[in-house]
Amino acid sequence: QVQLVESGGGSVQAGGSLRLSCAASGLSYKSGCMGWFRQAPGKEREGVVIFNKGFGITYYADSVKGRFTISQDNDMKTVSLQMNSLEPEDTATYYCVAEAFVRCSREALLYGELGSWKYWGQGTQVTVSS
């Protein structure tokens, strides 16, 4: 049974950093597609980053490029999102996702509907104050 469990959310001032983690169980650790999406109150869910594990390729949303970094921890079971230079606009609930029903490429950033990904985490709140 696949489970995605996020942790690491919290509150921080603008310019600060947070590190989100997604502990994945029941998935292949060396291949597959994972990513992070976020949803702010009153807004549509948007893609943050897509990680093609098999090819080691990442695709970032323009809004976070250069500030956020996704990585797979040494235990290969946890995917982390390092978020630096946080802005109030980054305030949202962040969701870890796995196994897209679309091609694992930049276009997957556009597919934030629940039915676009096979597995979703429960979400973790990130709040950035100005």
C-alpha atoms as a PDB file:
ATOM      1  CA  GLN A   1       0.000   0.000   0.000  1.00  0.00           C
ATOM      2  CA  VAL A   2       1.392   3.370  -1.041  1.00  0.00           C
ATOM      3  CA  GLN A   3       1.558   6.168   1.488  1.00  0.00           C
ATOM      4  CA  LEU A   4       2.875   9.694   1.178  1.00  0.00           C
ATOM      5  CA  VAL A   5       3.389  11.500   4.476  1.00  0.00           C
ATOM      6  CA  GLU A   6       4.455  15.147   4.431  1.00  0.00           C
ATOM      7  CA  SER A   7       6.136  17.016   7.234  1.00  0.00           C
ATOM      8  CA  GLY A   8       8.100  20.192   7.774  1.00  0.00           C
ATOM      9  CA  GLY A   9       5.508  22.881   7.233  1.00  0.00           C
ATOM     10  CA  GLY A  10       5.246  25.853   9.532  1.00  0.00           C
ATOM     11  CA  SER A  11       5.347  29.611   9.807  1.00  0.00           C
ATOM     12  CA  VAL A  12       8.277  31.767   8.803  1.00  0.00           C
ATOM     13  CA  GLN A  13       8.982  35.381   7.998  1.00  0.00           C
ATOM     14  CA  ALA A  14       9.628  36.539   4.461  1.00  0.00           C
ATOM     15  CA  GLY A  15      13.147  35.718   3.395  1.00  0.00           C
ATOM     16  CA  GLY A  16      13.285  32.660   5.617  1.00  0.00           C
ATOM     17  CA  SER A  17      13.572  28.987   4.767  1.00  0.00           C
ATOM     18  CA  LEU A  18      11.647  25.786   5.335  1.00  0.00           C
ATOM     19  CA  ARG A  19      12.279  22.202   4.347  1.00  0.00           C
ATOM     20  CA  LEU A  20       9.356  19.956   3.520  1.00  0.00           C
ATOM     21  CA  SER A  21       9.718  16.196   3.471  1.00  0.00           C
ATOM     22  CA  CYS A  22       7.601  13.521   1.852  1.00  0.00           C
ATOM     23  CA  ALA A  23       8.123  10.030   3.214  1.00  0.00           C
ATOM     24  CA  ALA A  24       7.040   7.600   0.529  1.00  0.00           C
ATOM     25  CA  SER A  25       6.329   3.966   1.198  1.00  0.00           C
ATOM     26  CA  GLY A  26       5.292   1.334  -1.273  1.00  0.00           C
ATOM     27  CA  LEU A  27       6.795   3.105  -4.281  1.00  0.00           C
ATOM     28  CA  SER A  28       9.779   2.341  -6.462  1.00  0.00           C
ATOM     29  CA  TYR A  29      12.654   4.414  -5.106  1.00  0.00           C
ATOM     30  CA  LYS A  30      14.606   4.644  -8.331  1.00  0.00           C
ATOM     31  CA  SER A  31      11.937   5.357 -10.899  1.00  0.00           C
ATOM     32  CA  GLY A  32       8.592   7.023 -11.228  1.00  0.00           C
ATOM     33  CA  CYS A  33       7.263  10.526 -11.071  1.00  0.00           C
ATOM     34  CA  MET A  34       6.830  12.617  -7.951  1.00  0.00           C
ATOM     35  CA  GLY A  35       6.208  16.252  -7.280  1.00  0.00           C
ATOM     36  CA  TRP A  36       4.846  19.004  -5.094  1.00  0.00           C
ATOM     37  CA  PHE A  37       1.735  21.043  -5.622  1.00  0.00           C
ATOM     38  CA  ARG A  38       0.356  23.841  -3.509  1.00  0.00           C
ATOM     39  CA  GLN A  39      -2.966  25.525  -2.965  1.00  0.00           C
ATOM     40  CA  ALA A  40      -3.541  28.904  -1.410  1.00  0.00           C
ATOM     41  CA  PRO A  41      -6.953  29.868  -0.015  1.00  0.00           C
ATOM     42  CA  GLY A  42      -9.307  30.859  -2.792  1.00  0.00           C
ATOM     43  CA  LYS A  43      -6.872  29.849  -5.512  1.00  0.00           C
ATOM     44  CA  GLU A  44      -6.476  26.876  -7.782  1.00  0.00           C
ATOM     45  CA  ARG A  45      -3.921  24.231  -6.999  1.00  0.00           C
ATOM     46  CA  GLU A  46      -0.649  24.899  -8.819  1.00  0.00           C
ATOM     47  CA  GLY A  47       2.377  22.824  -9.609  1.00  0.00           C
ATOM     48  CA  VAL A  48       5.591  23.656  -7.779  1.00  0.00           C
ATOM     49  CA  VAL A  49       8.040  21.026  -8.997  1.00  0.00           C
ATOM     50  CA  ILE A  50       8.040  17.716 -10.859  1.00  0.00           C
ATOM     51  CA  PHE A  51      10.731  15.099 -10.277  1.00  0.00           C
ATOM     52  CA  ASN A  52      11.364  12.389 -12.840  1.00  0.00           C
ATOM     53  CA  LYS A  53      13.236   9.977 -10.618  1.00  0.00           C
ATOM     54  CA  GLY A  54      14.297   7.587 -13.331  1.00  0.00           C
ATOM     55  CA  PHE A  55      16.122  10.258 -15.332  1.00  0.00           C
ATOM     56  CA  GLY A  56      16.948  12.503 -12.399  1.00  0.00           C
ATOM     57  CA  ILE A  57      15.269  15.464 -14.098  1.00  0.00           C
ATOM     58  CA  THR A  58      13.418  18.215 -12.281  1.00  0.00           C
ATOM     59  CA  TYR A  59      10.993  20.816 -13.570  1.00  0.00           C
ATOM     60  CA  TYR A  60      10.239  23.887 -11.486  1.00  0.00           C
ATOM     61  CA  ALA A  61       7.457  26.420 -11.749  1.00  0.00           C
ATOM     62  CA  ASP A  62       8.818  29.814 -12.780  1.00  0.00           C
ATOM     63  CA  SER A  63       7.572  31.300  -9.524  1.00  0.00           C
ATOM     64  CA  VAL A  64       9.898  29.129  -7.423  1.00  0.00           C
ATOM     65  CA  LYS A  65      12.843  28.564  -9.743  1.00  0.00           C
ATOM     66  CA  GLY A  66      16.108  29.439  -8.062  1.00  0.00           C
ATOM     67  CA  ARG A  67      14.516  29.438  -4.613  1.00  0.00           C
ATOM     68  CA  PHE A  68      13.184  25.889  -4.201  1.00  0.00           C
ATOM     69  CA  THR A  69      15.124  22.655  -4.623  1.00  0.00           C
ATOM     70  CA  ILE A  70      13.794  19.120  -4.664  1.00  0.00           C
ATOM     71  CA  SER A  71      15.992  16.216  -3.680  1.00  0.00           C
ATOM     72  CA  GLN A  72      15.812  12.556  -2.799  1.00  0.00           C
ATOM     73  CA  ASP A  73      17.364  11.712   0.539  1.00  0.00           C
ATOM     74  CA  ASN A  74      20.079   9.100   0.898  1.00  0.00           C
ATOM     75  CA  ASP A  75      17.598   6.556   2.162  1.00  0.00           C
ATOM     76  CA  MET A  76      15.833   6.925  -1.207  1.00  0.00           C
ATOM     77  CA  LYS A  77      12.519   6.830   0.614  1.00  0.00           C
ATOM     78  CA  THR A  78      12.104  10.529   1.276  1.00  0.00           C
ATOM     79  CA  VAL A  79      11.761  13.363  -1.185  1.00  0.00           C
ATOM     80  CA  SER A  80      12.446  16.787   0.258  1.00  0.00           C
ATOM     81  CA  LEU A  81      11.687  20.302  -0.883  1.00  0.00           C
ATOM     82  CA  GLN A  82      14.101  22.948   0.344  1.00  0.00           C
ATOM     83  CA  MET A  83      12.425  26.337   0.179  1.00  0.00           C
ATOM     84  CA  ASN A  84      14.598  29.432   0.501  1.00  0.00           C
ATOM     85  CA  SER A  85      13.900  33.139   0.191  1.00  0.00           C
ATOM     86  CA  LEU A  86      10.274  32.510   1.006  1.00  0.00           C
ATOM     87  CA  GLU A  87       7.721  35.145   0.071  1.00  0.00           C
ATOM     88  CA  PRO A  88       4.207  35.772   1.410  1.00  0.00           C
ATOM     89  CA  GLU A  89       2.955  34.544  -1.976  1.00  0.00           C
ATOM     90  CA  ASP A  90       4.339  31.103  -1.114  1.00  0.00           C
ATOM     91  CA  THR A  91       1.753  30.731   1.651  1.00  0.00           C
ATOM     92  CA  ALA A  92      -0.292  27.633   0.855  1.00  0.00           C
ATOM     93  CA  THR A  93      -0.962  24.045   1.707  1.00  0.00           C
ATOM     94  CA  TYR A  94       1.702  21.929   0.042  1.00  0.00           C
ATOM     95  CA  TYR A  95       0.954  18.460  -1.254  1.00  0.00           C
ATOM     96  CA  CYS A  96       3.341  15.698  -2.208  1.00  0.00           C
ATOM     97  CA  VAL A  97       2.184  13.652  -5.202  1.00  0.00           C
ATOM     98  CA  ALA A  98       3.323  10.489  -6.946  1.00  0.00           C
ATOM     99  CA  GLU A  99       2.633   8.562 -10.148  1.00  0.00           C
ATOM    100  CA  ALA A 100       1.159  10.978 -12.645  1.00  0.00           C
ATOM    101  CA  PHE A 101      -1.409   9.899 -15.202  1.00  0.00           C
ATOM    102  CA  VAL A 102       0.293  12.277 -17.610  1.00  0.00           C
ATOM    103  CA  ARG A 103       3.829  12.292 -18.954  1.00  0.00           C
ATOM    104  CA  CYS A 104       6.381  13.016 -16.266  1.00  0.00           C
ATOM    105  CA  SER A 105       7.604  16.263 -17.768  1.00  0.00           C
ATOM    106  CA  ARG A 106       7.127  19.981 -17.386  1.00  0.00           C
ATOM    107  CA  GLU A 107       3.553  19.610 -18.560  1.00  0.00           C
ATOM    108  CA  ALA A 108       2.746  17.664 -15.376  1.00  0.00           C
ATOM    109  CA  LEU A 109       3.006  20.966 -13.497  1.00  0.00           C
ATOM    110  CA  LEU A 110      -0.282  21.899 -15.123  1.00  0.00           C
ATOM    111  CA  TYR A 111      -2.155  18.895 -13.803  1.00  0.00           C
ATOM    112  CA  GLY A 112      -3.150  19.698 -10.256  1.00  0.00           C
ATOM    113  CA  GLU A 113      -6.495  17.962 -10.310  1.00  0.00           C
ATOM    114  CA  LEU A 114      -6.912  15.101  -7.881  1.00  0.00           C
ATOM    115  CA  GLY A 115      -7.469  12.663 -10.703  1.00  0.00           C
ATOM    116  CA  SER A 116      -4.200  13.542 -12.416  1.00  0.00           C
ATOM    117  CA  TRP A 117      -2.047  11.796  -9.833  1.00  0.00           C
ATOM    118  CA  LYS A 118      -2.455   8.353  -8.402  1.00  0.00           C
ATOM    119  CA  TYR A 119      -1.229   9.237  -4.912  1.00  0.00           C
ATOM    120  CA  TRP A 120      -1.521  12.368  -2.779  1.00  0.00           C
ATOM    121  CA  GLY A 121      -0.199  13.240   0.637  1.00  0.00           C
ATOM    122  CA  GLN A 122      -2.390  14.824   3.272  1.00  0.00           C
ATOM    123  CA  GLY A 123      -0.844  18.262   2.849  1.00  0.00           C
ATOM    124  CA  THR A 124       1.270  20.478   5.070  1.00  0.00           C
ATOM    125  CA  GLN A 125       0.696  24.165   5.731  1.00  0.00           C
ATOM    126  CA  VAL A 126       3.309  26.795   4.935  1.00  0.00           C
ATOM    127  CA  THR A 127       2.692  30.345   6.108  1.00  0.00           C
ATOM    128  CA  VAL A 128       5.026  33.189   5.209  1.00  0.00           C
ATOM    129  CA  SER A 129       4.498  36.528   6.886  1.00  0.00           C
ATOM    130  CA  SER A 130       5.734  39.848   5.599  1.00  0.00           C
END
